[in-house]
N, C-alpha and C. Protein backbone atom coordinates (compact mmCIF):
# COMPACT_ATOMS: atom_id res chain seq x y z
N MET A 1 15.91 -31.49 5.42
CA MET A 1 14.66 -31.12 4.77
C MET A 1 14.31 -29.69 5.17
N ALA A 2 13.99 -28.88 4.20
CA ALA A 2 13.65 -27.48 4.45
C ALA A 2 12.26 -27.36 5.06
N LEU A 3 12.12 -26.42 5.98
CA LEU A 3 10.82 -26.17 6.58
C LEU A 3 9.89 -25.43 5.63
N PHE A 4 10.46 -24.56 4.83
CA PHE A 4 9.68 -23.77 3.89
C PHE A 4 10.22 -24.01 2.49
N LYS A 5 9.33 -24.30 1.59
CA LYS A 5 9.74 -24.47 0.20
C LYS A 5 9.65 -23.13 -0.51
N LYS A 6 10.65 -22.84 -1.30
CA LYS A 6 10.65 -21.61 -2.09
C LYS A 6 9.71 -21.81 -3.27
N ARG A 7 8.71 -20.96 -3.34
CA ARG A 7 7.74 -21.06 -4.42
C ARG A 7 8.26 -20.29 -5.61
N THR A 8 8.44 -20.98 -6.71
CA THR A 8 8.97 -20.32 -7.90
C THR A 8 7.89 -20.04 -8.93
N VAL A 9 6.74 -20.68 -8.80
CA VAL A 9 5.65 -20.50 -9.75
C VAL A 9 4.44 -19.96 -9.01
N GLY A 10 3.81 -18.97 -9.57
CA GLY A 10 2.64 -18.39 -8.93
C GLY A 10 1.40 -19.24 -9.09
N ARG A 11 0.43 -18.95 -8.27
CA ARG A 11 -0.86 -19.61 -8.38
C ARG A 11 -1.70 -18.85 -9.41
N PRO A 12 -2.53 -19.55 -10.14
CA PRO A 12 -3.40 -18.85 -11.08
C PRO A 12 -4.25 -17.82 -10.36
N GLY A 13 -4.35 -16.65 -10.93
CA GLY A 13 -5.16 -15.59 -10.33
C GLY A 13 -4.43 -14.73 -9.33
N GLU A 14 -3.16 -15.01 -9.05
CA GLU A 14 -2.37 -14.14 -8.17
C GLU A 14 -1.63 -13.13 -9.03
N TRP A 15 -1.80 -11.87 -8.70
CA TRP A 15 -1.17 -10.80 -9.45
C TRP A 15 -0.23 -10.01 -8.55
N PHE A 16 0.87 -9.56 -9.11
CA PHE A 16 1.87 -8.79 -8.37
C PHE A 16 2.26 -7.57 -9.19
N TYR A 17 2.80 -6.56 -8.49
CA TYR A 17 3.36 -5.40 -9.16
C TYR A 17 4.85 -5.40 -8.88
N CYS A 18 5.67 -5.48 -9.92
CA CYS A 18 7.13 -5.50 -9.78
C CYS A 18 7.63 -4.06 -9.71
N LEU A 19 8.28 -3.74 -8.61
CA LEU A 19 8.81 -2.39 -8.41
C LEU A 19 10.04 -2.13 -9.29
N GLU A 20 10.82 -3.16 -9.54
CA GLU A 20 12.02 -2.99 -10.35
C GLU A 20 11.69 -2.75 -11.82
N HIS A 21 10.78 -3.54 -12.36
CA HIS A 21 10.44 -3.44 -13.77
C HIS A 21 9.21 -2.57 -14.03
N GLN A 22 8.55 -2.15 -12.95
CA GLN A 22 7.35 -1.32 -13.02
C GLN A 22 6.31 -1.92 -13.95
N LYS A 23 5.99 -3.20 -13.67
CA LYS A 23 5.00 -3.88 -14.48
C LYS A 23 4.22 -4.88 -13.63
N VAL A 24 3.07 -5.25 -14.13
CA VAL A 24 2.22 -6.24 -13.47
C VAL A 24 2.63 -7.62 -13.94
N GLU A 25 2.65 -8.58 -13.00
CA GLU A 25 3.02 -9.95 -13.32
C GLU A 25 1.95 -10.89 -12.77
N GLU A 26 1.67 -11.94 -13.50
CA GLU A 26 0.81 -12.98 -12.94
C GLU A 26 1.74 -14.02 -12.34
N GLY A 27 1.60 -14.23 -11.05
CA GLY A 27 2.52 -15.10 -10.35
C GLY A 27 3.79 -14.36 -10.02
N PRO A 28 4.53 -14.81 -9.02
CA PRO A 28 5.76 -14.10 -8.64
C PRO A 28 6.91 -14.39 -9.59
N GLU A 29 7.14 -13.50 -10.51
CA GLU A 29 8.27 -13.65 -11.44
C GLU A 29 9.55 -13.10 -10.84
N CYS A 30 9.44 -12.01 -10.10
CA CYS A 30 10.61 -11.34 -9.51
C CYS A 30 10.69 -11.65 -8.02
N PRO A 31 11.85 -11.42 -7.40
CA PRO A 31 11.99 -11.68 -5.96
C PRO A 31 11.00 -10.86 -5.13
N ALA A 32 10.63 -11.39 -3.98
CA ALA A 32 9.65 -10.74 -3.10
C ALA A 32 10.08 -9.32 -2.71
N LYS A 33 11.37 -9.09 -2.57
CA LYS A 33 11.84 -7.75 -2.17
C LYS A 33 11.53 -6.69 -3.22
N ASN A 34 11.21 -7.12 -4.44
CA ASN A 34 10.97 -6.18 -5.54
C ASN A 34 9.51 -6.11 -5.96
N ARG A 35 8.58 -6.59 -5.14
CA ARG A 35 7.20 -6.61 -5.60
C ARG A 35 6.19 -6.33 -4.50
N PHE A 36 5.03 -5.86 -4.90
CA PHE A 36 3.86 -5.72 -4.04
C PHE A 36 2.90 -6.82 -4.45
N GLY A 37 2.16 -7.35 -3.49
CA GLY A 37 1.14 -8.33 -3.80
C GLY A 37 1.20 -9.49 -2.83
N PRO A 38 0.38 -10.48 -3.03
CA PRO A 38 -0.45 -10.72 -4.20
C PRO A 38 -1.76 -9.93 -4.16
N TYR A 39 -2.25 -9.64 -5.35
CA TYR A 39 -3.54 -9.00 -5.54
C TYR A 39 -4.47 -10.01 -6.20
N THR A 40 -5.77 -9.80 -6.05
CA THR A 40 -6.74 -10.75 -6.59
C THR A 40 -7.07 -10.51 -8.06
N SER A 41 -6.69 -9.35 -8.58
CA SER A 41 -6.99 -9.06 -9.99
C SER A 41 -5.85 -8.26 -10.61
N ARG A 42 -5.79 -8.30 -11.92
CA ARG A 42 -4.79 -7.51 -12.65
C ARG A 42 -5.01 -6.02 -12.42
N ALA A 43 -6.27 -5.59 -12.42
CA ALA A 43 -6.59 -4.17 -12.22
C ALA A 43 -6.12 -3.68 -10.86
N GLU A 44 -6.28 -4.51 -9.84
CA GLU A 44 -5.83 -4.14 -8.50
C GLU A 44 -4.31 -4.02 -8.46
N ALA A 45 -3.61 -4.91 -9.13
CA ALA A 45 -2.15 -4.85 -9.18
C ALA A 45 -1.68 -3.64 -9.97
N GLU A 46 -2.42 -3.26 -11.02
CA GLU A 46 -2.05 -2.10 -11.83
C GLU A 46 -2.08 -0.81 -11.04
N ARG A 47 -2.93 -0.74 -10.00
CA ARG A 47 -2.99 0.48 -9.21
C ARG A 47 -2.24 0.33 -7.87
N ALA A 48 -1.27 -0.58 -7.83
CA ALA A 48 -0.51 -0.84 -6.60
C ALA A 48 0.20 0.41 -6.08
N MET A 49 0.81 1.18 -6.96
CA MET A 49 1.53 2.37 -6.51
C MET A 49 0.57 3.42 -5.98
N GLU A 50 -0.57 3.57 -6.61
CA GLU A 50 -1.58 4.52 -6.13
C GLU A 50 -2.11 4.09 -4.77
N THR A 51 -2.36 2.79 -4.60
CA THR A 51 -2.81 2.27 -3.32
C THR A 51 -1.77 2.53 -2.24
N ALA A 52 -0.49 2.32 -2.57
CA ALA A 52 0.59 2.56 -1.60
C ALA A 52 0.64 4.04 -1.20
N ARG A 53 0.49 4.94 -2.16
CA ARG A 53 0.49 6.38 -1.85
C ARG A 53 -0.69 6.73 -0.94
N GLU A 54 -1.86 6.18 -1.23
CA GLU A 54 -3.04 6.44 -0.39
C GLU A 54 -2.82 5.95 1.03
N ARG A 55 -2.26 4.76 1.17
CA ARG A 55 -2.01 4.20 2.51
C ARG A 55 -0.95 4.99 3.25
N ASP A 56 0.08 5.44 2.55
CA ASP A 56 1.10 6.28 3.18
C ASP A 56 0.49 7.57 3.72
N LEU A 57 -0.38 8.18 2.93
CA LEU A 57 -1.04 9.42 3.34
C LEU A 57 -1.93 9.18 4.56
N GLN A 58 -2.66 8.08 4.56
CA GLN A 58 -3.50 7.74 5.71
C GLN A 58 -2.63 7.57 6.96
N TRP A 59 -1.52 6.87 6.82
CA TRP A 59 -0.64 6.63 7.95
C TRP A 59 -0.04 7.95 8.46
N GLU A 60 0.38 8.80 7.55
CA GLU A 60 0.98 10.08 7.95
C GLU A 60 0.00 10.96 8.72
N ASN A 61 -1.29 10.79 8.45
CA ASN A 61 -2.31 11.62 9.10
C ASN A 61 -3.04 10.91 10.23
N ASP A 62 -2.60 9.73 10.61
CA ASP A 62 -3.24 8.98 11.67
C ASP A 62 -2.59 9.32 13.01
N PRO A 63 -3.32 9.96 13.91
CA PRO A 63 -2.72 10.38 15.18
C PRO A 63 -2.28 9.21 16.06
N ARG A 64 -2.80 8.03 15.83
CA ARG A 64 -2.40 6.88 16.64
C ARG A 64 -0.95 6.49 16.40
N TRP A 65 -0.36 6.91 15.28
CA TRP A 65 1.00 6.50 14.93
C TRP A 65 2.02 7.61 15.14
N HIS A 66 1.60 8.72 15.71
CA HIS A 66 2.52 9.84 15.87
C HIS A 66 2.44 10.40 17.28
N ASP A 67 3.55 10.94 17.73
CA ASP A 67 3.57 11.62 19.02
C ASP A 67 2.81 12.92 18.89
N PRO A 68 2.28 13.40 20.00
CA PRO A 68 1.61 14.72 19.94
C PRO A 68 2.61 15.78 19.49
N ASP A 69 2.09 16.85 18.91
CA ASP A 69 2.96 17.94 18.47
C ASP A 69 3.81 18.44 19.62
N ASP A 70 5.03 18.79 19.30
CA ASP A 70 5.94 19.33 20.29
C ASP A 70 5.47 20.72 20.65
N THR A 71 5.30 20.99 21.94
CA THR A 71 4.76 22.29 22.38
C THR A 71 5.85 23.22 22.89
N ARG A 72 7.10 22.98 22.54
CA ARG A 72 8.19 23.87 22.99
C ARG A 72 8.03 25.23 22.35
N ALA A 73 8.35 26.24 23.12
CA ALA A 73 8.29 27.61 22.60
C ALA A 73 9.47 27.83 21.64
N GLU A 74 9.19 28.52 20.56
CA GLU A 74 10.26 28.79 19.59
C GLU A 74 11.00 30.03 20.03
N ASP A 75 12.32 30.03 19.81
CA ASP A 75 13.14 31.20 20.19
C ASP A 75 13.08 32.27 19.18
């Protein structure tokens, strides 16, 4: 008996953004490795790539995730 069942049908109201097909899906139509989500609304899933870019930018500028600047003198 499997510990985890593979869910093949989405729950109503769950939205995903498929990275492979670049489209919004209700329920997980594509494999998890190819999608962002779940989101609570279609509109939220539609802006998944924009949200990812914003979060990447926040992470890149967060000093808690980076070493201090290297202070070596340049030759």
